[in-house]
């Protein structure tokens, strides 16, 4: 192998080794902490900041959780936030939308039917039992968390919501 080919190969390997971690980091941190990027089938795509979400009439949803794997998550909790349906209305979600994909800052996500997203007890919470949710990067649940009041085991709840993609 010629010296120039070896140098090109080494440069390519270094480039891949640098690019992959940067891509993963950027993907996990898409959206701004404390705000939500709304995109997809909406007339008004963009960001809703934490303070804008607090400006909507707050709703409190009481939930009872029982987790077999995390005993500290068991109990009755009051989450306060803004109904996801209100946020979708403000973003002007299209009438032909069928589902909503929500993604956390760490890349985890879930898709819920539009009917569940618009249900009165589906909220983007910013408080739990009267205290602000701490950031996901600090081991907390927030600063914004999807709460679906009908889900007893919180199987579709998302901590650290950063992106809403209406589909």
Foldseek 3Di string as FASTA:
>chain_A
DDPVVVVVVVVVVVVVVVVVVVVLLCLLQPFDAQWAFEEAQFPATGIDGNVNFVPDPKDKFWAAADDPVDRVPGDIKIFITAQLLVVRVVRHHDPPFFWKWWAASRGDIDIDTVVQSNDPQWGFGQDIRRHGWDAVVVVTQENTKTDRRVDRHCPHIHGRTHYMHTD
